[in-house]
Amino acid sequence: MNKNGDGEIDILAFVGREVRLIQCKHTLWDAQVDHDSIIEVLNGMQFYRPRYLRDVTANSVVRPVVVTNGRFSSEAKRQAIEAGVTLIERIELEERLNACACSLAELEAVEDQRLPRMAHMRAAVLDAISRAS
């Protein structure tokens, strides 16, 4: 667990009944992200499951994701495939960002959705999953 107490997860996203645990890795452009990032997101899953995701229904999927503005090493890609981790590298990230242009007001609205403390996480997860049902 890192010093922030977030279990190495930077973003918790809900897409329908899917919960995405996202670890973001910023690098110098075109730098490689190694297999440690895969370990971090898997450790994050182990942190979140018993604390915040234990009541997620059997119909939901918890998906670990690592996103970088660089690229992943071949070892990271191999480990991600074995562990079922989704990887998003710079080119795909740029494509996704370009497809989702938004205004400053929209960004500020998302910022306001941040939870003040990790203690609010479980209720937020249950609420998001129940709305997707």
N, C-alpha and C. Protein backbone atom coordinates (compact mmCIF):
# COMPACT_ATOMS: atom_id res chain seq x y z
N MET A 1 0.86 -1.18 0.00
CA MET A 1 0.00 0.00 0.00
C MET A 1 0.90 1.23 0.00
N ASN A 2 0.48 2.26 -0.71
CA ASN A 2 1.30 3.46 -0.75
C ASN A 2 0.96 4.38 0.41
N LYS A 3 1.71 5.47 0.53
CA LYS A 3 1.55 6.36 1.67
C LYS A 3 0.20 7.08 1.70
N ASN A 4 -0.50 7.12 0.56
CA ASN A 4 -1.80 7.78 0.52
C ASN A 4 -2.92 6.88 1.02
N GLY A 5 -2.64 5.61 1.20
CA GLY A 5 -3.67 4.69 1.67
C GLY A 5 -4.68 4.32 0.62
N ASP A 6 -4.35 4.52 -0.67
CA ASP A 6 -5.31 4.22 -1.72
C ASP A 6 -5.08 2.85 -2.35
N GLY A 7 -4.16 2.08 -1.79
CA GLY A 7 -3.95 0.73 -2.28
C GLY A 7 -3.35 0.69 -3.67
N GLU A 8 -2.64 1.73 -4.07
CA GLU A 8 -1.98 1.82 -5.38
C GLU A 8 -2.95 2.02 -6.54
N ILE A 9 -4.19 2.29 -6.27
CA ILE A 9 -5.17 2.53 -7.34
C ILE A 9 -5.40 4.03 -7.45
N ASP A 10 -5.28 4.55 -8.68
CA ASP A 10 -5.45 5.98 -8.89
C ASP A 10 -6.89 6.36 -9.24
N ILE A 11 -7.57 5.47 -9.95
CA ILE A 11 -8.94 5.78 -10.41
C ILE A 11 -9.81 4.54 -10.23
N LEU A 12 -10.98 4.74 -9.71
CA LEU A 12 -11.99 3.70 -9.63
C LEU A 12 -13.10 4.13 -10.58
N ALA A 13 -13.30 3.39 -11.66
CA ALA A 13 -14.27 3.77 -12.68
C ALA A 13 -15.34 2.70 -12.81
N PHE A 14 -16.55 3.14 -13.11
CA PHE A 14 -17.68 2.23 -13.29
C PHE A 14 -18.18 2.35 -14.72
N VAL A 15 -18.22 1.23 -15.41
CA VAL A 15 -18.75 1.18 -16.76
C VAL A 15 -19.80 0.08 -16.75
N GLY A 16 -21.06 0.50 -16.67
CA GLY A 16 -22.13 -0.48 -16.50
C GLY A 16 -21.92 -1.23 -15.20
N ARG A 17 -21.85 -2.55 -15.29
CA ARG A 17 -21.64 -3.38 -14.10
C ARG A 17 -20.17 -3.75 -13.93
N GLU A 18 -19.31 -3.09 -14.67
CA GLU A 18 -17.87 -3.36 -14.57
C GLU A 18 -17.22 -2.30 -13.68
N VAL A 19 -16.39 -2.76 -12.75
CA VAL A 19 -15.61 -1.87 -11.90
C VAL A 19 -14.18 -1.94 -12.40
N ARG A 20 -13.62 -0.80 -12.81
CA ARG A 20 -12.25 -0.77 -13.30
C ARG A 20 -11.36 -0.11 -12.25
N LEU A 21 -10.35 -0.85 -11.84
CA LEU A 21 -9.35 -0.34 -10.91
C LEU A 21 -8.16 0.07 -11.77
N ILE A 22 -7.91 1.37 -11.84
CA ILE A 22 -6.94 1.90 -12.80
C ILE A 22 -5.72 2.46 -12.08
N GLN A 23 -4.55 2.00 -12.52
CA GLN A 23 -3.27 2.51 -12.05
C GLN A 23 -2.67 3.32 -13.19
N CYS A 24 -2.31 4.57 -12.94
CA CYS A 24 -1.75 5.45 -13.96
C CYS A 24 -0.24 5.55 -13.78
N LYS A 25 0.49 5.42 -14.88
CA LYS A 25 1.94 5.51 -14.85
C LYS A 25 2.39 6.59 -15.83
N HIS A 26 2.88 7.69 -15.28
CA HIS A 26 3.41 8.79 -16.09
C HIS A 26 4.89 8.58 -16.28
N THR A 27 5.35 8.69 -17.53
CA THR A 27 6.77 8.52 -17.84
C THR A 27 7.21 9.63 -18.77
N LEU A 28 8.50 9.69 -19.00
CA LEU A 28 8.99 10.53 -20.09
C LEU A 28 8.46 9.91 -21.37
N TRP A 29 8.14 10.72 -22.35
CA TRP A 29 7.51 10.19 -23.56
C TRP A 29 8.31 9.04 -24.13
N ASP A 30 7.59 8.02 -24.46
CA ASP A 30 8.08 6.80 -25.09
C ASP A 30 8.96 5.95 -24.17
N ALA A 31 8.99 6.28 -22.89
CA ALA A 31 9.73 5.44 -21.95
C ALA A 31 8.93 4.16 -21.69
N GLN A 32 9.61 3.12 -21.27
CA GLN A 32 8.94 1.86 -20.99
C GLN A 32 8.52 1.78 -19.53
N VAL A 33 7.36 1.20 -19.33
CA VAL A 33 6.85 0.90 -18.00
C VAL A 33 7.07 -0.59 -17.80
N ASP A 34 7.68 -0.97 -16.69
CA ASP A 34 8.02 -2.37 -16.50
C ASP A 34 6.92 -3.15 -15.78
N HIS A 35 7.23 -4.40 -15.47
CA HIS A 35 6.25 -5.30 -14.89
C HIS A 35 5.84 -4.93 -13.47
N ASP A 36 6.58 -4.03 -12.81
CA ASP A 36 6.19 -3.60 -11.46
C ASP A 36 4.79 -2.97 -11.46
N SER A 37 4.43 -2.33 -12.56
CA SER A 37 3.10 -1.70 -12.63
C SER A 37 1.99 -2.75 -12.62
N ILE A 38 2.26 -3.92 -13.18
CA ILE A 38 1.28 -5.00 -13.16
C ILE A 38 1.12 -5.50 -11.72
N ILE A 39 2.22 -5.67 -11.04
CA ILE A 39 2.19 -6.10 -9.64
C ILE A 39 1.43 -5.09 -8.79
N GLU A 40 1.67 -3.80 -9.03
CA GLU A 40 0.99 -2.76 -8.25
C GLU A 40 -0.52 -2.83 -8.40
N VAL A 41 -1.01 -2.96 -9.64
CA VAL A 41 -2.46 -2.97 -9.84
C VAL A 41 -3.08 -4.25 -9.27
N LEU A 42 -2.35 -5.36 -9.36
CA LEU A 42 -2.86 -6.60 -8.75
C LEU A 42 -2.88 -6.50 -7.24
N ASN A 43 -1.86 -5.88 -6.66
CA ASN A 43 -1.88 -5.63 -5.21
C ASN A 43 -3.03 -4.70 -4.84
N GLY A 44 -3.29 -3.72 -5.69
CA GLY A 44 -4.41 -2.82 -5.47
C GLY A 44 -5.74 -3.56 -5.45
N MET A 45 -5.88 -4.54 -6.36
CA MET A 45 -7.10 -5.35 -6.36
C MET A 45 -7.25 -6.10 -5.05
N GLN A 46 -6.14 -6.65 -4.54
CA GLN A 46 -6.19 -7.38 -3.28
C GLN A 46 -6.53 -6.45 -2.12
N PHE A 47 -6.13 -5.18 -2.21
CA PHE A 47 -6.46 -4.19 -1.20
C PHE A 47 -7.94 -3.83 -1.25
N TYR A 48 -8.48 -3.64 -2.45
CA TYR A 48 -9.86 -3.18 -2.61
C TYR A 48 -10.90 -4.27 -2.38
N ARG A 49 -10.64 -5.48 -2.84
CA ARG A 49 -11.66 -6.54 -2.76
C ARG A 49 -12.26 -6.70 -1.37
N PRO A 50 -11.48 -6.95 -0.33
CA PRO A 50 -12.10 -7.17 0.98
C PRO A 50 -12.65 -5.91 1.62
N ARG A 51 -12.13 -4.75 1.24
CA ARG A 51 -12.54 -3.51 1.90
C ARG A 51 -13.74 -2.85 1.24
N TYR A 52 -13.76 -2.82 -0.08
CA TYR A 52 -14.75 -2.02 -0.79
C TYR A 52 -15.56 -2.79 -1.83
N LEU A 53 -15.09 -3.95 -2.25
CA LEU A 53 -15.76 -4.65 -3.34
C LEU A 53 -16.40 -5.96 -2.91
N ARG A 54 -16.41 -6.26 -1.63
CA ARG A 54 -16.93 -7.55 -1.18
C ARG A 54 -18.42 -7.71 -1.43
N ASP A 55 -19.15 -6.61 -1.52
CA ASP A 55 -20.60 -6.70 -1.74
C ASP A 55 -20.99 -6.53 -3.21
N VAL A 56 -19.99 -6.44 -4.07
CA VAL A 56 -20.29 -6.34 -5.50
C VAL A 56 -20.88 -7.68 -5.92
N THR A 57 -21.99 -7.62 -6.62
CA THR A 57 -22.70 -8.86 -6.96
C THR A 57 -21.91 -9.71 -7.93
N ALA A 58 -22.33 -10.96 -8.03
CA ALA A 58 -21.66 -11.92 -8.93
C ALA A 58 -21.77 -11.50 -10.39
N ASN A 59 -22.74 -10.64 -10.72
CA ASN A 59 -22.92 -10.20 -12.10
C ASN A 59 -21.96 -9.09 -12.49
N SER A 60 -21.19 -8.59 -11.57
CA SER A 60 -20.24 -7.52 -11.85
C SER A 60 -18.85 -8.09 -12.10
N VAL A 61 -18.07 -7.33 -12.83
CA VAL A 61 -16.70 -7.71 -13.14
C VAL A 61 -15.77 -6.65 -12.57
N VAL A 62 -14.72 -7.08 -11.90
CA VAL A 62 -13.69 -6.17 -11.43
C VAL A 62 -12.50 -6.34 -12.37
N ARG A 63 -12.11 -5.25 -13.03
CA ARG A 63 -11.06 -5.32 -14.04
C ARG A 63 -9.90 -4.41 -13.67
N PRO A 64 -8.68 -4.99 -13.53
CA PRO A 64 -7.50 -4.15 -13.30
C PRO A 64 -7.00 -3.57 -14.63
N VAL A 65 -6.62 -2.29 -14.59
CA VAL A 65 -6.16 -1.60 -15.79
C VAL A 65 -4.93 -0.77 -15.43
N VAL A 66 -3.93 -0.77 -16.31
CA VAL A 66 -2.77 0.11 -16.16
C VAL A 66 -2.70 0.98 -17.41
N VAL A 67 -2.61 2.28 -17.19
CA VAL A 67 -2.56 3.26 -18.28
C VAL A 67 -1.24 4.01 -18.19
N THR A 68 -0.60 4.22 -19.34
CA THR A 68 0.63 5.01 -19.36
C THR A 68 0.69 5.90 -20.58
N ASN A 69 1.43 6.99 -20.44
CA ASN A 69 1.69 7.86 -21.58
C ASN A 69 2.95 7.38 -22.31
N GLY A 70 3.52 6.29 -21.85
CA GLY A 70 4.68 5.68 -22.49
C GLY A 70 4.28 4.39 -23.16
N ARG A 71 5.11 3.37 -22.98
CA ARG A 71 4.79 2.05 -23.53
C ARG A 71 5.22 1.00 -22.52
N PHE A 72 4.68 -0.19 -22.65
CA PHE A 72 4.96 -1.26 -21.71
C PHE A 72 6.08 -2.15 -22.23
N SER A 73 6.91 -2.64 -21.31
CA SER A 73 7.96 -3.58 -21.68
C SER A 73 7.32 -4.90 -22.09
N SER A 74 8.08 -5.72 -22.77
CA SER A 74 7.55 -7.03 -23.19
C SER A 74 7.22 -7.89 -21.97
N GLU A 75 8.01 -7.77 -20.90
CA GLU A 75 7.72 -8.52 -19.68
C GLU A 75 6.41 -8.05 -19.04
N ALA A 76 6.17 -6.74 -19.04
CA ALA A 76 4.91 -6.22 -18.50
C ALA A 76 3.73 -6.74 -19.32
N LYS A 77 3.88 -6.75 -20.63
CA LYS A 77 2.80 -7.25 -21.50
C LYS A 77 2.54 -8.73 -21.24
N ARG A 78 3.60 -9.51 -21.07
CA ARG A 78 3.45 -10.94 -20.80
C ARG A 78 2.72 -11.15 -19.48
N GLN A 79 3.16 -10.45 -18.44
CA GLN A 79 2.51 -10.59 -17.14
C GLN A 79 1.06 -10.13 -17.17
N ALA A 80 0.78 -9.07 -17.90
CA ALA A 80 -0.59 -8.56 -17.98
C ALA A 80 -1.51 -9.59 -18.62
N ILE A 81 -1.05 -10.24 -19.68
CA ILE A 81 -1.86 -11.27 -20.33
C ILE A 81 -2.14 -12.40 -19.35
N GLU A 82 -1.10 -12.86 -18.67
CA GLU A 82 -1.26 -13.97 -17.70
C GLU A 82 -2.22 -13.61 -16.57
N ALA A 83 -2.19 -12.35 -16.13
CA ALA A 83 -2.98 -11.94 -14.96
C ALA A 83 -4.33 -11.31 -15.32
N GLY A 84 -4.61 -11.14 -16.61
CA GLY A 84 -5.88 -10.53 -17.00
C GLY A 84 -5.94 -9.04 -16.76
N VAL A 85 -4.80 -8.36 -16.87
CA VAL A 85 -4.74 -6.91 -16.68
C VAL A 85 -4.81 -6.23 -18.05
N THR A 86 -5.69 -5.24 -18.17
CA THR A 86 -5.79 -4.46 -19.40
C THR A 86 -4.71 -3.39 -19.40
N LEU A 87 -3.98 -3.28 -20.51
CA LEU A 87 -2.95 -2.26 -20.65
C LEU A 87 -3.36 -1.25 -21.71
N ILE A 88 -3.15 0.04 -21.40
CA ILE A 88 -3.42 1.11 -22.36
C ILE A 88 -2.15 1.94 -22.47
N GLU A 89 -1.53 1.89 -23.66
CA GLU A 89 -0.30 2.63 -23.92
C GLU A 89 -0.62 3.98 -24.55
N ARG A 90 0.44 4.77 -24.76
CA ARG A 90 0.33 6.15 -25.22
C ARG A 90 -0.58 6.32 -26.45
N ILE A 91 -0.39 5.54 -27.48
CA ILE A 91 -1.17 5.74 -28.71
C ILE A 91 -2.66 5.54 -28.44
N GLU A 92 -3.01 4.46 -27.76
CA GLU A 92 -4.42 4.22 -27.44
C GLU A 92 -4.95 5.28 -26.49
N LEU A 93 -4.14 5.69 -25.53
CA LEU A 93 -4.54 6.76 -24.60
C LEU A 93 -4.85 8.04 -25.36
N GLU A 94 -3.97 8.42 -26.28
CA GLU A 94 -4.20 9.62 -27.08
C GLU A 94 -5.48 9.51 -27.89
N GLU A 95 -5.72 8.35 -28.49
CA GLU A 95 -6.95 8.14 -29.27
C GLU A 95 -8.18 8.29 -28.39
N ARG A 96 -8.15 7.71 -27.22
CA ARG A 96 -9.29 7.80 -26.31
C ARG A 96 -9.51 9.24 -25.84
N LEU A 97 -8.43 9.94 -25.53
CA LEU A 97 -8.57 11.33 -25.08
C LEU A 97 -9.10 12.22 -26.20
N ASN A 98 -8.63 12.01 -27.42
CA ASN A 98 -9.11 12.80 -28.55
C ASN A 98 -10.58 12.53 -28.86
N ALA A 99 -11.04 11.33 -28.60
CA ALA A 99 -12.43 10.97 -28.84
C ALA A 99 -13.37 11.52 -27.77
N CYS A 100 -12.82 11.98 -26.66
CA CYS A 100 -13.63 12.42 -25.52
C CYS A 100 -13.31 13.86 -25.13
N ALA A 101 -13.23 14.72 -26.09
CA ALA A 101 -12.93 16.12 -25.77
C ALA A 101 -13.96 16.65 -24.79
N CYS A 102 -13.50 17.39 -23.80
CA CYS A 102 -14.42 17.95 -22.82
C CYS A 102 -13.95 19.35 -22.42
N SER A 103 -14.85 20.08 -21.82
CA SER A 103 -14.57 21.46 -21.44
C SER A 103 -13.94 21.51 -20.04
N LEU A 104 -13.40 22.65 -19.69
CA LEU A 104 -12.85 22.85 -18.35
C LEU A 104 -13.94 22.65 -17.29
N ALA A 105 -15.15 23.12 -17.57
CA ALA A 105 -16.25 22.95 -16.62
C ALA A 105 -16.55 21.47 -16.39
N GLU A 106 -16.48 20.66 -17.44
CA GLU A 106 -16.71 19.22 -17.28
C GLU A 106 -15.60 18.57 -16.44
N LEU A 107 -14.37 19.00 -16.65
CA LEU A 107 -13.26 18.49 -15.84
C LEU A 107 -13.44 18.86 -14.37
N GLU A 108 -13.85 20.08 -14.12
CA GLU A 108 -14.06 20.52 -12.74
C GLU A 108 -15.20 19.75 -12.09
N ALA A 109 -16.23 19.42 -12.87
CA ALA A 109 -17.34 18.64 -12.33
C ALA A 109 -16.88 17.25 -11.91
N VAL A 110 -16.01 16.64 -12.70
CA VAL A 110 -15.47 15.33 -12.35
C VAL A 110 -14.60 15.45 -11.11
N GLU A 111 -13.81 16.50 -11.03
CA GLU A 111 -12.97 16.71 -9.85
C GLU A 111 -13.82 16.77 -8.58
N ASP A 112 -15.01 17.36 -8.69
CA ASP A 112 -15.90 17.46 -7.54
C ASP A 112 -16.45 16.10 -7.11
N GLN A 113 -16.31 15.08 -7.96
CA GLN A 113 -16.80 13.74 -7.63
C GLN A 113 -15.81 12.95 -6.78
N ARG A 114 -14.62 13.49 -6.57
CA ARG A 114 -13.64 12.79 -5.74
C ARG A 114 -14.19 12.60 -4.34
N LEU A 115 -13.93 11.44 -3.80
CA LEU A 115 -14.39 11.17 -2.45
C LEU A 115 -13.41 11.80 -1.46
N PRO A 116 -13.93 12.40 -0.40
CA PRO A 116 -13.05 13.07 0.55
C PRO A 116 -12.13 12.12 1.32
N ARG A 117 -12.60 10.89 1.54
CA ARG A 117 -11.79 9.91 2.27
C ARG A 117 -12.09 8.52 1.75
N MET A 118 -11.14 7.63 1.94
CA MET A 118 -11.33 6.25 1.51
C MET A 118 -12.51 5.61 2.23
N ALA A 119 -12.89 6.13 3.37
CA ALA A 119 -14.01 5.57 4.12
C ALA A 119 -15.32 5.66 3.34
N HIS A 120 -15.41 6.57 2.39
CA HIS A 120 -16.62 6.72 1.59
C HIS A 120 -16.68 5.76 0.40
N MET A 121 -15.60 5.02 0.18
CA MET A 121 -15.48 4.19 -1.02
C MET A 121 -16.53 3.10 -1.11
N ARG A 122 -16.75 2.36 -0.05
CA ARG A 122 -17.67 1.22 -0.10
C ARG A 122 -19.08 1.66 -0.50
N ALA A 123 -19.58 2.72 0.09
CA ALA A 123 -20.92 3.22 -0.25
C ALA A 123 -20.98 3.66 -1.70
N ALA A 124 -19.93 4.29 -2.19
CA ALA A 124 -19.90 4.75 -3.58
C ALA A 124 -19.91 3.57 -4.54
N VAL A 125 -19.18 2.52 -4.21
CA VAL A 125 -19.15 1.32 -5.06
C VAL A 125 -20.53 0.68 -5.11
N LEU A 126 -21.13 0.49 -3.95
CA LEU A 126 -22.46 -0.13 -3.91
C LEU A 126 -23.50 0.71 -4.65
N ASP A 127 -23.43 2.02 -4.53
CA ASP A 127 -24.35 2.90 -5.22
C ASP A 127 -24.18 2.80 -6.73
N ALA A 128 -22.95 2.82 -7.21
CA ALA A 128 -22.69 2.73 -8.64
C ALA A 128 -23.16 1.39 -9.21
N ILE A 129 -22.91 0.32 -8.50
CA ILE A 129 -23.32 -1.01 -8.96
C ILE A 129 -24.84 -1.13 -8.96
N SER A 130 -25.50 -0.60 -7.94
CA SER A 130 -26.95 -0.70 -7.88
C SER A 130 -27.61 0.12 -8.99
N ARG A 131 -27.01 1.25 -9.34
CA ARG A 131 -27.56 2.07 -10.44
C ARG A 131 -27.41 1.37 -11.78
N ALA A 132 -26.39 0.51 -11.93
CA ALA A 132 -26.16 -0.20 -13.18
C ALA A 132 -27.08 -1.40 -13.34
N SER A 133 -27.73 -1.81 -12.25
CA SER A 133 -28.61 -3.00 -12.31
C SER A 133 -29.86 -2.75 -13.10
